[in-house]
N, C-alpha and C. Protein backbone atom coordinates (compact mmCIF):
# COMPACT_ATOMS: atom_id res chain seq x y z
N MET A 1 0.79 -1.09 -0.01
CA MET A 1 -0.13 -0.06 -0.06
C MET A 1 0.78 1.28 -0.49
N LYS A 2 1.03 2.05 -0.93
CA LYS A 2 1.19 3.43 -1.01
C LYS A 2 0.34 4.81 -1.16
N LEU A 3 0.77 5.51 0.08
CA LEU A 3 0.11 6.45 0.12
C LEU A 3 0.65 7.61 0.48
N SER A 4 0.16 8.85 -0.62
CA SER A 4 0.55 10.05 0.04
C SER A 4 0.60 10.85 1.20
N ALA A 5 -0.54 10.30 2.38
CA ALA A 5 -0.80 10.84 3.15
C ALA A 5 0.25 10.49 4.30
N ARG A 6 0.84 11.35 5.37
CA ARG A 6 1.71 10.98 5.85
C ARG A 6 1.32 10.98 7.36
N ASN A 7 -0.05 10.97 8.11
CA ASN A 7 -0.35 10.93 8.95
C ASN A 7 -0.94 9.64 8.93
N ARG A 8 -0.31 8.56 9.79
CA ARG A 8 -0.39 7.26 9.76
C ARG A 8 -0.06 6.79 11.06
N ILE A 9 -1.16 5.95 11.71
CA ILE A 9 -1.32 5.51 13.31
C ILE A 9 -1.20 4.21 13.18
N ASN A 10 -0.37 3.21 13.45
CA ASN A 10 -0.70 1.74 13.88
C ASN A 10 -1.69 1.54 15.38
N ALA A 11 -2.56 0.70 14.83
CA ALA A 11 -3.77 0.72 15.60
C ALA A 11 -4.31 -1.39 15.54
N ARG A 12 -4.72 -1.40 16.60
CA ARG A 12 -5.67 -2.74 16.76
C ARG A 12 -7.26 -2.18 17.14
N VAL A 13 -7.72 -3.12 16.14
CA VAL A 13 -9.37 -2.91 16.19
C VAL A 13 -9.76 -3.30 17.93
N VAL A 14 -10.48 -2.51 18.45
CA VAL A 14 -11.10 -3.24 19.48
C VAL A 14 -12.62 -3.23 19.51
N GLY A 15 -13.18 -2.98 18.49
CA GLY A 15 -14.60 -2.70 18.51
C GLY A 15 -15.15 -2.61 17.12
N VAL A 16 -16.46 -3.01 16.45
CA VAL A 16 -16.65 -2.35 15.54
C VAL A 16 -18.42 -2.49 15.79
N THR A 17 -18.72 -0.95 15.42
CA THR A 17 -20.56 -0.57 15.70
C THR A 17 -21.03 -0.54 14.72
N ARG A 18 -22.04 -1.46 14.24
CA ARG A 18 -22.33 -0.98 12.46
C ARG A 18 -24.08 -0.55 12.86
N GLY A 19 -23.87 0.43 12.19
CA GLY A 19 -25.32 0.75 12.17
C GLY A 19 -26.12 1.09 11.09
N GLU A 20 -27.05 1.32 10.82
CA GLU A 20 -28.04 1.27 9.31
C GLU A 20 -26.98 1.47 7.84
N ALA A 21 -26.12 2.87 8.44
CA ALA A 21 -25.15 3.13 7.05
C ALA A 21 -23.87 3.75 7.67
N THR A 22 -23.61 3.57 8.51
CA THR A 22 -22.55 4.35 9.17
C THR A 22 -21.81 3.22 10.00
N ALA A 23 -20.13 2.72 10.35
CA ALA A 23 -19.87 1.61 11.10
C ALA A 23 -18.62 3.07 11.96
N ASN A 24 -19.02 2.45 13.58
CA ASN A 24 -17.88 2.99 14.07
C ASN A 24 -16.72 2.51 14.37
N VAL A 25 -15.36 2.26 14.37
CA VAL A 25 -14.48 1.22 14.25
C VAL A 25 -13.79 1.95 15.76
N GLU A 26 -13.74 1.33 16.42
CA GLU A 26 -12.95 1.91 17.69
C GLU A 26 -11.45 1.09 17.61
N MET A 27 -10.36 1.50 18.02
CA MET A 27 -9.10 1.33 18.33
C MET A 27 -8.28 1.64 19.11
N ASP A 28 -7.06 0.87 19.23
CA ASP A 28 -6.42 1.12 20.20
C ASP A 28 -4.83 1.59 19.90
N ALA A 29 -4.72 2.84 19.39
CA ALA A 29 -3.22 2.87 19.17
C ALA A 29 -1.96 3.12 20.13
N GLY A 30 -1.48 2.04 20.94
CA GLY A 30 -0.76 2.54 21.65
C GLY A 30 -1.38 2.92 23.32
N GLY A 31 -2.36 2.54 23.28
CA GLY A 31 -3.07 2.84 24.70
C GLY A 31 -4.04 4.44 24.41
N THR A 32 -3.56 4.88 23.07
CA THR A 32 -4.54 5.92 22.69
C THR A 32 -6.01 5.47 21.96
N ARG A 33 -7.28 5.91 22.56
CA ARG A 33 -8.27 5.36 21.86
C ARG A 33 -8.58 6.41 20.57
N LEU A 34 -8.88 5.54 19.46
CA LEU A 34 -9.45 6.40 18.22
C LEU A 34 -10.69 5.93 17.42
N VAL A 35 -11.13 6.38 17.39
CA VAL A 35 -12.59 6.29 16.30
C VAL A 35 -12.88 6.33 15.25
N ALA A 36 -13.00 5.44 14.24
CA ALA A 36 -13.48 6.00 13.09
C ALA A 36 -14.55 5.66 12.29
N SER A 37 -15.16 6.82 12.00
CA SER A 37 -16.89 6.48 11.34
C SER A 37 -16.54 6.33 9.71
N ILE A 38 -16.98 4.78 9.58
CA ILE A 38 -16.77 4.94 8.24
C ILE A 38 -18.16 4.19 7.56
N THR A 39 -18.49 3.59 6.35
CA THR A 39 -19.46 3.28 5.88
C THR A 39 -19.67 1.83 6.11
N VAL A 40 -20.74 1.61 6.40
CA VAL A 40 -21.12 0.18 6.64
C VAL A 40 -20.47 -0.78 5.37
N GLU A 41 -20.89 -0.63 3.85
CA GLU A 41 -19.98 -1.21 3.03
C GLU A 41 -18.94 -1.11 3.02
N ALA A 42 -17.81 -0.23 3.21
CA ALA A 42 -16.36 0.23 3.59
C ALA A 42 -16.00 -0.95 4.39
N ALA A 43 -16.62 -1.01 5.51
CA ALA A 43 -16.70 -1.88 7.29
C ALA A 43 -16.49 -3.64 6.48
N ASP A 44 -17.41 -3.60 5.72
CA ASP A 44 -17.63 -5.31 5.42
C ASP A 44 -16.64 -5.31 4.06
N GLU A 45 -16.25 -4.23 3.05
CA GLU A 45 -15.40 -4.69 2.21
C GLU A 45 -13.44 -4.91 2.73
N LEU A 46 -13.47 -4.30 4.04
CA LEU A 46 -12.23 -4.16 4.77
C LEU A 46 -11.97 -5.21 5.53
N ALA A 47 -13.65 -6.02 5.70
CA ALA A 47 -13.64 -7.04 6.77
C ALA A 47 -12.68 -7.28 7.68
N LEU A 48 -13.36 -6.00 8.52
CA LEU A 48 -12.81 -5.35 10.04
C LEU A 48 -13.59 -6.62 10.86
N PHE A 49 -12.23 -6.64 12.39
CA PHE A 49 -12.92 -7.88 12.95
C PHE A 49 -11.86 -7.15 14.39
N GLU A 50 -12.25 -7.74 15.44
CA GLU A 50 -11.98 -7.14 16.64
C GLU A 50 -10.18 -7.73 16.70
N GLY A 51 -9.57 -7.39 17.06
CA GLY A 51 -8.04 -7.68 17.24
C GLY A 51 -7.32 -7.64 16.03
N GLN A 52 -7.59 -6.98 15.07
CA GLN A 52 -7.07 -7.10 13.77
C GLN A 52 -6.25 -5.68 13.74
N GLU A 53 -5.08 -5.43 13.15
CA GLU A 53 -3.94 -4.62 13.27
C GLU A 53 -4.35 -3.95 11.85
N VAL A 54 -4.28 -2.43 11.96
CA VAL A 54 -4.85 -1.83 11.10
C VAL A 54 -3.94 -0.45 10.84
N ILE A 55 -4.20 0.47 9.88
CA ILE A 55 -3.40 1.62 9.91
C ILE A 55 -4.16 2.93 9.68
N ALA A 56 -4.28 3.71 10.92
CA ALA A 56 -5.44 4.50 10.74
C ALA A 56 -4.78 5.94 9.99
N VAL A 57 -5.15 6.07 8.21
CA VAL A 57 -4.38 6.88 8.20
C VAL A 57 -5.85 8.70 8.69
N VAL A 58 -4.94 9.76 8.52
CA VAL A 58 -5.86 10.67 9.15
C VAL A 58 -5.30 11.88 7.89
N LYS A 59 -6.71 12.16 7.32
CA LYS A 59 -6.32 13.58 6.57
C LYS A 59 -7.34 14.70 6.90
N ALA A 60 -6.80 15.14 7.21
CA ALA A 60 -7.70 16.42 7.62
C ALA A 60 -7.93 17.68 7.16
N SER A 61 -8.41 18.69 6.74
CA SER A 61 -7.87 20.08 6.37
C SER A 61 -8.12 21.08 7.36
N ASP A 62 -8.75 20.74 8.57
CA ASP A 62 -8.62 21.52 9.54
C ASP A 62 -8.31 21.10 11.17
N VAL A 63 -7.51 21.71 11.98
CA VAL A 63 -6.95 21.32 13.56
C VAL A 63 -7.76 22.28 13.76
N ILE A 64 -8.83 22.50 14.90
CA ILE A 64 -8.89 23.64 15.77
C ILE A 64 -8.76 23.67 17.12
N LEU A 65 -8.15 24.70 17.74
CA LEU A 65 -8.05 24.44 19.06
C LEU A 65 -8.32 25.60 19.64
N ALA A 66 -9.36 25.17 21.07
CA ALA A 66 -10.06 25.92 22.10
C ALA A 66 -8.85 26.50 23.64
N VAL A 67 -9.43 27.66 24.30
CA VAL A 67 -8.57 27.35 25.41
C VAL A 67 -9.64 28.28 26.12
N ALA A 68 -9.64 28.39 27.75
CA ALA A 68 -10.35 28.80 28.43
C ALA A 68 -10.59 30.29 28.35
N ASP A 69 -11.48 30.93 28.66
CA ASP A 69 -11.71 32.68 28.33
C ASP A 69 -10.49 33.32 29.06
N ASP A 70 -10.30 32.56 30.47
CA ASP A 70 -8.96 32.90 31.62
C ASP A 70 -7.89 32.15 31.28
N PRO A 71 -7.04 32.53 30.66
CA PRO A 71 -5.65 31.94 30.19
C PRO A 71 -5.00 31.05 31.64
N ALA A 72 -5.17 31.83 32.59
CA ALA A 72 -4.35 30.87 33.84
C ALA A 72 -5.71 29.29 34.27
N GLY A 73 -6.86 28.96 33.45
CA GLY A 73 -7.92 28.15 33.48
C GLY A 73 -8.62 28.26 34.39
N GLY A 74 -9.11 29.53 34.98
CA GLY A 74 -9.87 29.46 36.21
C GLY A 74 -11.29 29.69 35.45
């Protein structure tokens, strides 16, 4: 597999919850919980199962940060 995306995270599937159109895939990436929402069709094509090793590829156009109104955190 070759991809131009550089944000790749090795993870293990810990659960797949299928809805009518969307499947939420919960992953463990070295102790960090990740969740990907994908189509049920894509989940079926990937034949995802608990314990499977996967690569989460993150491609986002924005990352938004927020801070408290009081910089001291109060």
